[in-house]
Amino acid sequence: MRLAVRLTPRGGRDAIDGWAVGEDGRPHLKVRVGAPPVEGEANAALEALVAKALKRPRSAVTVASGATARLKILEIEGVDAVDLARAFGPPPGAS
């Protein structure tokens, strides 16, 4: 499963702030982490936070694209759309 995420590093605390819709009209999950965007620290914190929220092992979540951008695509093994909705609520536009 792929998940679009907008990451805010140095966000003060690790938190998942819910869904938003980007300028392109596609939904993404807003996430903030306390880690700085240095040497992959923020990406590692993001992967760990999402894995914990989905009750998956840390190794099941990886940044598939956007490693140095705010908007990232996560690849998550062993979950489906129902699991994402259960953990984060339904994305905007979902029926």
PDB file of N, CA and C in Angstrom:
ATOM      1  N   MET A   1       0.856  -1.169   0.000  1.00  0.00           N
ATOM      2  CA  MET A   1       0.000   0.000   0.000  1.00  0.00           C
ATOM      3  C   MET A   1       0.900   1.229   0.000  1.00  0.00           C
ATOM      4  N   ARG A   2       0.523   2.227  -0.773  1.00  0.00           N
ATOM      5  CA  ARG A   2       1.257   3.496  -0.805  1.00  0.00           C
ATOM      6  C   ARG A   2       0.439   4.561  -0.092  1.00  0.00           C
ATOM      7  N   LEU A   3       1.135   5.432   0.623  1.00  0.00           N
ATOM      8  CA  LEU A   3       0.496   6.488   1.393  1.00  0.00           C
ATOM      9  C   LEU A   3       1.255   7.791   1.175  1.00  0.00           C
ATOM     10  N   ALA A   4       0.553   8.834   0.750  1.00  0.00           N
ATOM     11  CA  ALA A   4       1.157  10.159   0.605  1.00  0.00           C
ATOM     12  C   ALA A   4       1.142  10.854   1.959  1.00  0.00           C
ATOM     13  N   VAL A   5       2.282  11.453   2.316  1.00  0.00           N
ATOM     14  CA  VAL A   5       2.439  12.109   3.615  1.00  0.00           C
ATOM     15  C   VAL A   5       3.129  13.451   3.411  1.00  0.00           C
ATOM     16  N   ARG A   6       2.625  14.469   4.089  1.00  0.00           N
ATOM     17  CA  ARG A   6       3.331  15.763   4.133  1.00  0.00           C
ATOM     18  C   ARG A   6       3.967  15.849   5.510  1.00  0.00           C
ATOM     19  N   LEU A   7       5.300  15.854   5.531  1.00  0.00           N
ATOM     20  CA  LEU A   7       6.048  15.803   6.783  1.00  0.00           C
ATOM     21  C   LEU A   7       6.548  17.178   7.187  1.00  0.00           C
ATOM     22  N   THR A   8       6.369  17.506   8.463  1.00  0.00           N
ATOM     23  CA  THR A   8       6.941  18.714   9.042  1.00  0.00           C
ATOM     24  C   THR A   8       7.982  18.288  10.067  1.00  0.00           C
ATOM     25  N   PRO A   9       9.273  18.397   9.727  1.00  0.00           N
ATOM     26  CA  PRO A   9      10.315  18.089  10.704  1.00  0.00           C
ATOM     27  C   PRO A   9      10.434  19.222  11.721  1.00  0.00           C
ATOM     28  N   ARG A  10      11.046  18.930  12.855  1.00  0.00           N
ATOM     29  CA  ARG A  10      11.170  19.892  13.954  1.00  0.00           C
ATOM     30  C   ARG A  10       9.808  20.457  14.327  1.00  0.00           C
ATOM     31  N   GLY A  11       8.807  19.578  14.323  1.00  0.00           N
ATOM     32  CA  GLY A  11       7.433  19.992  14.617  1.00  0.00           C
ATOM     33  C   GLY A  11       7.115  20.078  16.092  1.00  0.00           C
ATOM     34  N   GLY A  12       8.108  19.937  16.942  1.00  0.00           N
ATOM     35  CA  GLY A  12       7.894  20.062  18.384  1.00  0.00           C
ATOM     36  C   GLY A  12       7.585  18.744  19.067  1.00  0.00           C
ATOM     37  N   ARG A  13       6.860  17.881  18.381  1.00  0.00           N
ATOM     38  CA  ARG A  13       6.526  16.566  18.935  1.00  0.00           C
ATOM     39  C   ARG A  13       6.158  15.657  17.775  1.00  0.00           C
ATOM     40  N   ASP A  14       6.138  14.375  18.029  1.00  0.00           N
ATOM     41  CA  ASP A  14       5.728  13.411  17.013  1.00  0.00           C
ATOM     42  C   ASP A  14       4.210  13.279  17.051  1.00  0.00           C
ATOM     43  N   ALA A  15       3.545  13.576  15.928  1.00  0.00           N
ATOM     44  CA  ALA A  15       2.083  13.520  15.907  1.00  0.00           C
ATOM     45  C   ALA A  15       1.574  13.353  14.483  1.00  0.00           C
ATOM     46  N   ILE A  16       0.457  12.659  14.373  1.00  0.00           N
ATOM     47  CA  ILE A  16      -0.258  12.546  13.109  1.00  0.00           C
ATOM     48  C   ILE A  16      -1.436  13.504  13.205  1.00  0.00           C
ATOM     49  N   ASP A  17      -1.461  14.510  12.333  1.00  0.00           N
ATOM     50  CA  ASP A  17      -2.424  15.600  12.432  1.00  0.00           C
ATOM     51  C   ASP A  17      -3.643  15.433  11.539  1.00  0.00           C
ATOM     52  N   GLY A  18      -3.792  14.283  10.906  1.00  0.00           N
ATOM     53  CA  GLY A  18      -4.978  14.036  10.098  1.00  0.00           C
ATOM     54  C   GLY A  18      -4.751  14.255   8.616  1.00  0.00           C
ATOM     55  N   TRP A  19      -5.853  14.180   7.887  1.00  0.00           N
ATOM     56  CA  TRP A  19      -5.820  14.261   6.433  1.00  0.00           C
ATOM     57  C   TRP A  19      -5.954  15.703   5.950  1.00  0.00           C
ATOM     58  N   ALA A  20      -5.380  15.959   4.775  1.00  0.00           N
ATOM     59  CA  ALA A  20      -5.554  17.231   4.065  1.00  0.00           C
ATOM     60  C   ALA A  20      -5.578  16.911   2.579  1.00  0.00           C
ATOM     61  N   VAL A  21      -5.980  17.888   1.790  1.00  0.00           N
ATOM     62  CA  VAL A  21      -6.006  17.724   0.341  1.00  0.00           C
ATOM     63  C   VAL A  21      -5.018  18.711  -0.259  1.00  0.00           C
ATOM     64  N   GLY A  22      -4.118  18.199  -1.096  1.00  0.00           N
ATOM     65  CA  GLY A  22      -3.112  19.037  -1.720  1.00  0.00           C
ATOM     66  C   GLY A  22      -3.671  19.861  -2.864  1.00  0.00           C
ATOM     67  N   GLU A  23      -2.837  20.722  -3.408  1.00  0.00           N
ATOM     68  CA  GLU A  23      -3.242  21.563  -4.531  1.00  0.00           C
ATOM     69  C   GLU A  23      -3.651  20.735  -5.743  1.00  0.00           C
ATOM     70  N   ASP A  24      -3.105  19.525  -5.832  1.00  0.00           N
ATOM     71  CA  ASP A  24      -3.445  18.639  -6.952  1.00  0.00           C
ATOM     72  C   ASP A  24      -4.764  17.894  -6.724  1.00  0.00           C
ATOM     73  N   GLY A  25      -5.398  18.121  -5.566  1.00  0.00           N
ATOM     74  CA  GLY A  25      -6.670  17.483  -5.268  1.00  0.00           C
ATOM     75  C   GLY A  25      -6.563  16.106  -4.645  1.00  0.00           C
ATOM     76  N   ARG A  26      -5.337  15.633  -4.426  1.00  0.00           N
ATOM     77  CA  ARG A  26      -5.157  14.306  -3.837  1.00  0.00           C
ATOM     78  C   ARG A  26      -4.951  14.414  -2.324  1.00  0.00           C
ATOM     79  N   PRO A  27      -5.511  13.473  -1.572  1.00  0.00           N
ATOM     80  CA  PRO A  27      -5.352  13.512  -0.116  1.00  0.00           C
ATOM     81  C   PRO A  27      -3.959  13.069   0.320  1.00  0.00           C
ATOM     82  N   HIS A  28      -3.523  13.641   1.420  1.00  0.00           N
ATOM     83  CA  HIS A  28      -2.277  13.212   2.058  1.00  0.00           C
ATOM     84  C   HIS A  28      -2.444  13.329   3.572  1.00  0.00           C
ATOM     85  N   LEU A  29      -1.649  12.571   4.273  1.00  0.00           N
ATOM     86  CA  LEU A  29      -1.670  12.585   5.729  1.00  0.00           C
ATOM     87  C   LEU A  29      -0.665  13.631   6.205  1.00  0.00           C
ATOM     88  N   LYS A  30      -1.085  14.487   7.145  1.00  0.00           N
ATOM     89  CA  LYS A  30      -0.177  15.485   7.710  1.00  0.00           C
ATOM     90  C   LYS A  30       0.472  14.884   8.960  1.00  0.00           C
ATOM     91  N   VAL A  31       1.797  14.898   8.976  1.00  0.00           N
ATOM     92  CA  VAL A  31       2.550  14.317  10.088  1.00  0.00           C
ATOM     93  C   VAL A  31       3.653  15.291  10.484  1.00  0.00           C
ATOM     94  N   ARG A  32       3.889  15.383  11.788  1.00  0.00           N
ATOM     95  CA  ARG A  32       5.028  16.169  12.267  1.00  0.00           C
ATOM     96  C   ARG A  32       5.879  15.303  13.188  1.00  0.00           C
ATOM     97  N   VAL A  33       7.164  15.564  13.149  1.00  0.00           N
ATOM     98  CA  VAL A  33       8.092  14.854  14.031  1.00  0.00           C
ATOM     99  C   VAL A  33       9.023  15.873  14.673  1.00  0.00           C
ATOM    100  N   GLY A  34       9.538  15.531  15.821  1.00  0.00           N
ATOM    101  CA  GLY A  34      10.464  16.413  16.517  1.00  0.00           C
ATOM    102  C   GLY A  34      11.866  16.379  15.947  1.00  0.00           C
ATOM    103  N   ALA A  35      12.183  15.351  15.195  1.00  0.00           N
ATOM    104  CA  ALA A  35      13.530  15.172  14.650  1.00  0.00           C
ATOM    105  C   ALA A  35      13.825  16.196  13.556  1.00  0.00           C
ATOM    106  N   PRO A  36      15.086  16.609  13.433  1.00  0.00           N
ATOM    107  CA  PRO A  36      15.459  17.538  12.368  1.00  0.00           C
ATOM    108  C   PRO A  36      15.634  16.797  11.040  1.00  0.00           C
ATOM    109  N   PRO A  37      15.554  17.533   9.932  1.00  0.00           N
ATOM    110  CA  PRO A  37      15.729  16.898   8.621  1.00  0.00           C
ATOM    111  C   PRO A  37      17.204  16.739   8.265  1.00  0.00           C
ATOM    112  N   VAL A  38      17.941  16.059   9.127  1.00  0.00           N
ATOM    113  CA  VAL A  38      19.376  15.893   8.949  1.00  0.00           C
ATOM    114  C   VAL A  38      19.705  14.403   8.927  1.00  0.00           C
ATOM    115  N   GLU A  39      20.445  13.982   7.914  1.00  0.00           N
ATOM    116  CA  GLU A  39      20.917  12.601   7.808  1.00  0.00           C
ATOM    117  C   GLU A  39      19.799  11.577   7.956  1.00  0.00           C
ATOM    118  N   GLY A  40      18.616  11.888   7.453  1.00  0.00           N
ATOM    119  CA  GLY A  40      17.511  10.936   7.459  1.00  0.00           C
ATOM    120  C   GLY A  40      16.801  10.773   8.787  1.00  0.00           C
ATOM    121  N   GLU A  41      17.115  11.621   9.777  1.00  0.00           N
ATOM    122  CA  GLU A  41      16.493  11.478  11.097  1.00  0.00           C
ATOM    123  C   GLU A  41      14.977  11.678  11.045  1.00  0.00           C
ATOM    124  N   ALA A  42      14.520  12.697  10.318  1.00  0.00           N
ATOM    125  CA  ALA A  42      13.078  12.966  10.240  1.00  0.00           C
ATOM    126  C   ALA A  42      12.361  11.830   9.511  1.00  0.00           C
ATOM    127  N   ASN A  43      12.964  11.305   8.449  1.00  0.00           N
ATOM    128  CA  ASN A  43      12.348  10.193   7.725  1.00  0.00           C
ATOM    129  C   ASN A  43      12.254   8.955   8.608  1.00  0.00           C
ATOM    130  N   ALA A  44      13.300   8.678   9.378  1.00  0.00           N
ATOM    131  CA  ALA A  44      13.281   7.520  10.275  1.00  0.00           C
ATOM    132  C   ALA A  44      12.196   7.680  11.339  1.00  0.00           C
ATOM    133  N   ALA A  45      12.056   8.903  11.869  1.00  0.00           N
ATOM    134  CA  ALA A  45      11.015   9.154  12.869  1.00  0.00           C
ATOM    135  C   ALA A  45       9.628   8.994  12.250  1.00  0.00           C
ATOM    136  N   LEU A  46       9.458   9.449  11.007  1.00  0.00           N
ATOM    137  CA  LEU A  46       8.189   9.289  10.294  1.00  0.00           C
ATOM    138  C   LEU A  46       7.849   7.819  10.116  1.00  0.00           C
ATOM    139  N   GLU A  47       8.797   7.047   9.643  1.00  0.00           N
ATOM    140  CA  GLU A  47       8.561   5.612   9.432  1.00  0.00           C
ATOM    141  C   GLU A  47       8.171   4.926  10.740  1.00  0.00           C
ATOM    142  N   ALA A  48       8.869   5.252  11.818  1.00  0.00           N
ATOM    143  CA  ALA A  48       8.577   4.632  13.114  1.00  0.00           C
ATOM    144  C   ALA A  48       7.189   5.024  13.618  1.00  0.00           C
ATOM    145  N   LEU A  49       6.820   6.297  13.463  1.00  0.00           N
ATOM    146  CA  LEU A  49       5.526   6.779  13.936  1.00  0.00           C
ATOM    147  C   LEU A  49       4.375   6.125  13.176  1.00  0.00           C
ATOM    148  N   VAL A  50       4.487   6.054  11.854  1.00  0.00           N
ATOM    149  CA  VAL A  50       3.430   5.442  11.045  1.00  0.00           C
ATOM    150  C   VAL A  50       3.342   3.942  11.336  1.00  0.00           C
ATOM    151  N   ALA A  51       4.485   3.280  11.472  1.00  0.00           N
ATOM    152  CA  ALA A  51       4.476   1.849  11.787  1.00  0.00           C
ATOM    153  C   ALA A  51       3.773   1.598  13.124  1.00  0.00           C
ATOM    154  N   LYS A  52       4.058   2.424  14.112  1.00  0.00           N
ATOM    155  CA  LYS A  52       3.423   2.261  15.419  1.00  0.00           C
ATOM    156  C   LYS A  52       1.912   2.478  15.328  1.00  0.00           C
ATOM    157  N   ALA A  53       1.490   3.514  14.598  1.00  0.00           N
ATOM    158  CA  ALA A  53       0.060   3.796  14.462  1.00  0.00           C
ATOM    159  C   ALA A  53      -0.679   2.663  13.762  1.00  0.00           C
ATOM    160  N   LEU A  54      -0.006   2.001  12.824  1.00  0.00           N
ATOM    161  CA  LEU A  54      -0.625   0.902  12.074  1.00  0.00           C
ATOM    162  C   LEU A  54      -0.393  -0.462  12.730  1.00  0.00           C
ATOM    163  N   LYS A  55       0.329  -0.455  13.862  1.00  0.00           N
ATOM    164  CA  LYS A  55       0.656  -1.706  14.571  1.00  0.00           C
ATOM    165  C   LYS A  55       1.386  -2.684  13.647  1.00  0.00           C
ATOM    166  N   ARG A  56       2.359  -2.145  12.934  1.00  0.00           N
ATOM    167  CA  ARG A  56       3.200  -2.931  12.028  1.00  0.00           C
ATOM    168  C   ARG A  56       4.637  -2.805  12.502  1.00  0.00           C
ATOM    169  N   PRO A  57       5.488  -3.758  12.138  1.00  0.00           N
ATOM    170  CA  PRO A  57       6.904  -3.603  12.490  1.00  0.00           C
ATOM    171  C   PRO A  57       7.511  -2.414  11.757  1.00  0.00           C
ATOM    172  N   ARG A  58       8.477  -1.801  12.360  1.00  0.00           N
ATOM    173  CA  ARG A  58       9.142  -0.630  11.779  1.00  0.00           C
ATOM    174  C   ARG A  58       9.648  -0.926  10.363  1.00  0.00           C
ATOM    175  N   SER A  59      10.089  -2.143  10.125  1.00  0.00           N
ATOM    176  CA  SER A  59      10.633  -2.525   8.816  1.00  0.00           C
ATOM    177  C   SER A  59       9.568  -2.589   7.722  1.00  0.00           C
ATOM    178  N   ALA A  60       8.284  -2.539   8.083  1.00  0.00           N
ATOM    179  CA  ALA A  60       7.207  -2.616   7.093  1.00  0.00           C
ATOM    180  C   ALA A  60       6.929  -1.268   6.436  1.00  0.00           C
ATOM    181  N   VAL A  61       7.518  -0.188   6.957  1.00  0.00           N
ATOM    182  CA  VAL A  61       7.265   1.156   6.431  1.00  0.00           C
ATOM    183  C   VAL A  61       8.568   1.744   5.912  1.00  0.00           C
ATOM    184  N   THR A  62       8.559   2.171   4.636  1.00  0.00           N
ATOM    185  CA  THR A  62       9.736   2.805   4.054  1.00  0.00           C
ATOM    186  C   THR A  62       9.325   4.009   3.213  1.00  0.00           C
ATOM    187  N   VAL A  63      10.206   4.992   3.139  1.00  0.00           N
ATOM    188  CA  VAL A  63       9.989   6.138   2.263  1.00  0.00           C
ATOM    189  C   VAL A  63      10.344   5.694   0.850  1.00  0.00           C
ATOM    190  N   ALA A  64       9.335   5.579  -0.015  1.00  0.00           N
ATOM    191  CA  ALA A  64       9.546   5.113  -1.384  1.00  0.00           C
ATOM    192  C   ALA A  64       9.995   6.245  -2.297  1.00  0.00           C
ATOM    193  N   SER A  65       9.514   7.465  -2.046  1.00  0.00           N
ATOM    194  CA  SER A  65       9.960   8.619  -2.831  1.00  0.00           C
ATOM    195  C   SER A  65       9.786   9.885  -2.007  1.00  0.00           C
ATOM    196  N   GLY A  66      10.556  10.904  -2.381  1.00  0.00           N
ATOM    197  CA  GLY A  66      10.486  12.182  -1.682  1.00  0.00           C
ATOM    198  C   GLY A  66      11.333  12.251  -0.434  1.00  0.00           C
ATOM    199  N   ALA A  67      12.440  11.524  -0.396  1.00  0.00           N
ATOM    200  CA  ALA A  67      13.274  11.468   0.807  1.00  0.00           C
ATOM    201  C   ALA A  67      13.729  12.850   1.271  1.00  0.00           C
ATOM    202  N   THR A  68      13.952  13.782   0.339  1.00  0.00           N
ATOM    203  CA  THR A  68      14.403  15.116   0.731  1.00  0.00           C
ATOM    204  C   THR A  68      13.312  16.170   0.559  1.00  0.00           C
ATOM    205  N   ALA A  69      12.105  15.761   0.234  1.00  0.00           N
ATOM    206  CA  ALA A  69      10.990  16.699   0.046  1.00  0.00           C
ATOM    207  C   ALA A  69      10.028  16.614   1.222  1.00  0.00           C
ATOM    208  N   ARG A  70       9.169  17.608   1.355  1.00  0.00           N
ATOM    209  CA  ARG A  70       8.152  17.554   2.409  1.00  0.00           C
ATOM    210  C   ARG A  70       7.076  16.530   2.088  1.00  0.00           C
ATOM    211  N   LEU A  71       6.686  16.441   0.807  1.00  0.00           N
ATOM    212  CA  LEU A  71       5.673  15.472   0.400  1.00  0.00           C
ATOM    213  C   LEU A  71       6.378  14.169   0.052  1.00  0.00           C
ATOM    214  N   LYS A  72       6.020  13.118   0.753  1.00  0.00           N
ATOM    215  CA  LYS A  72       6.669  11.818   0.602  1.00  0.00           C
ATOM    216  C   LYS A  72       5.635  10.758   0.273  1.00  0.00           C
ATOM    217  N   ILE A  73       6.095   9.700  -0.349  1.00  0.00           N
ATOM    218  CA  ILE A  73       5.263   8.528  -0.579  1.00  0.00           C
ATOM    219  C   ILE A  73       5.863   7.403   0.257  1.00  0.00           C
ATOM    220  N   LEU A  74       5.046   6.864   1.161  1.00  0.00           N
ATOM    221  CA  LEU A  74       5.478   5.729   1.970  1.00  0.00           C
ATOM    222  C   LEU A  74       4.973   4.446   1.340  1.00  0.00           C
ATOM    223  N   GLU A  75       5.788   3.426   1.380  1.00  0.00           N
ATOM    224  CA  GLU A  75       5.393   2.076   0.988  1.00  0.00           C
ATOM    225  C   GLU A  75       5.210   1.309   2.286  1.00  0.00           C
ATOM    226  N   ILE A  76       4.006   0.757   2.473  1.00  0.00           N
ATOM    227  CA  ILE A  76       3.690   0.065   3.723  1.00  0.00           C
ATOM    228  C   ILE A  76       3.262  -1.358   3.399  1.00  0.00           C
ATOM    229  N   GLU A  77       3.971  -2.317   3.954  1.00  0.00           N
ATOM    230  CA  GLU A  77       3.670  -3.727   3.710  1.00  0.00           C
ATOM    231  C   GLU A  77       2.628  -4.236   4.703  1.00  0.00           C
ATOM    232  N   GLY A  78       1.723  -5.063   4.203  1.00  0.00           N
ATOM    233  CA  GLY A  78       0.788  -5.761   5.068  1.00  0.00           C
ATOM    234  C   GLY A  78      -0.413  -4.966   5.521  1.00  0.00           C
ATOM    235  N   VAL A  79      -0.725  -3.851   4.847  1.00  0.00           N
ATOM    236  CA  VAL A  79      -1.919  -3.084   5.194  1.00  0.00           C
ATOM    237  C   VAL A  79      -2.724  -2.802   3.928  1.00  0.00           C
ATOM    238  N   ASP A  80      -4.003  -2.466   4.130  1.00  0.00           N
ATOM    239  CA  ASP A  80      -4.857  -2.081   3.010  1.00  0.00           C
ATOM    240  C   ASP A  80      -5.578  -0.786   3.374  1.00  0.00           C
ATOM    241  N   ALA A  81      -6.468  -0.342   2.506  1.00  0.00           N
ATOM    242  CA  ALA A  81      -7.184   0.917   2.725  1.00  0.00           C
ATOM    243  C   ALA A  81      -8.008   0.893   4.011  1.00  0.00           C
ATOM    244  N   VAL A  82      -8.554  -0.258   4.359  1.00  0.00           N
ATOM    245  CA  VAL A  82      -9.344  -0.376   5.591  1.00  0.00           C
ATOM    246  C   VAL A  82      -8.447  -0.156   6.811  1.00  0.00           C
ATOM    247  N   ASP A  83      -7.245  -0.711   6.784  1.00  0.00           N
ATOM    248  CA  ASP A  83      -6.305  -0.524   7.892  1.00  0.00           C
ATOM    249  C   ASP A  83      -5.926   0.949   8.040  1.00  0.00           C
ATOM    250  N   LEU A  84      -5.693   1.624   6.896  1.00  0.00           N
ATOM    251  CA  LEU A  84      -5.355   3.052   6.942  1.00  0.00           C
ATOM    252  C   LEU A  84      -6.500   3.864   7.528  1.00  0.00           C
ATOM    253  N   ALA A  85      -7.730   3.586   7.092  1.00  0.00           N
ATOM    254  CA  ALA A  85      -8.898   4.319   7.606  1.00  0.00           C
ATOM    255  C   ALA A  85      -9.106   4.059   9.089  1.00  0.00           C
ATOM    256  N   ARG A  86      -8.844   2.843   9.520  1.00  0.00           N
ATOM    257  CA  ARG A  86      -8.990   2.505  10.938  1.00  0.00           C
ATOM    258  C   ARG A  86      -7.993   3.274  11.786  1.00  0.00           C
ATOM    259  N   ALA A  87      -6.763   3.420  11.301  1.00  0.00           N
ATOM    260  CA  ALA A  87      -5.712   4.075  12.067  1.00  0.00           C
ATOM    261  C   ALA A  87      -5.795   5.595  11.989  1.00  0.00           C
ATOM    262  N   PHE A  88      -6.134   6.152  10.809  1.00  0.00           N
ATOM    263  CA  PHE A  88      -6.051   7.590  10.587  1.00  0.00           C
ATOM    264  C   PHE A  88      -7.378   8.258  10.249  1.00  0.00           C
ATOM    265  N   GLY A  89      -8.456   7.477  10.193  1.00  0.00           N
ATOM    266  CA  GLY A  89      -9.728   8.003   9.737  1.00  0.00           C
ATOM    267  C   GLY A  89      -9.805   7.924   8.223  1.00  0.00           C
ATOM    268  N   PRO A  90     -11.004   8.041   7.666  1.00  0.00           N
ATOM    269  CA  PRO A  90     -11.118   7.949   6.214  1.00  0.00           C
ATOM    270  C   PRO A  90     -10.518   9.190   5.542  1.00  0.00           C
ATOM    271  N   PRO A  91      -9.815   9.000   4.428  1.00  0.00           N
ATOM    272  CA  PRO A  91      -9.266  10.160   3.725  1.00  0.00           C
ATOM    273  C   PRO A  91     -10.379  11.000   3.102  1.00  0.00           C
ATOM    274  N   PRO A  92     -10.132  12.284   2.872  1.00  0.00           N
ATOM    275  CA  PRO A  92     -11.152  13.120   2.241  1.00  0.00           C
ATOM    276  C   PRO A  92     -11.568  12.540   0.891  1.00  0.00           C
ATOM    277  N   GLY A  93     -12.846  12.554   0.639  1.00  0.00           N
ATOM    278  CA  GLY A  93     -13.358  12.041  -0.621  1.00  0.00           C
ATOM    279  C   GLY A  93     -13.632  10.557  -0.635  1.00  0.00           C
ATOM    280  N   ALA A  94     -13.304   9.850   0.454  1.00  0.00           N
ATOM    281  CA  ALA A  94     -13.579   8.409   0.517  1.00  0.00           C
ATOM    282  C   ALA A  94     -15.054   8.199   0.827  1.00  0.00           C
ATOM    283  N   SER A  95     -15.630   7.186   0.194  1.00  0.00           N
ATOM    284  CA  SER A  95     -17.047   6.945   0.448  1.00  0.00           C
ATOM    285  C   SER A  95     -17.252   6.088   1.666  1.00  0.00           C
TER     286      SER A  95
END
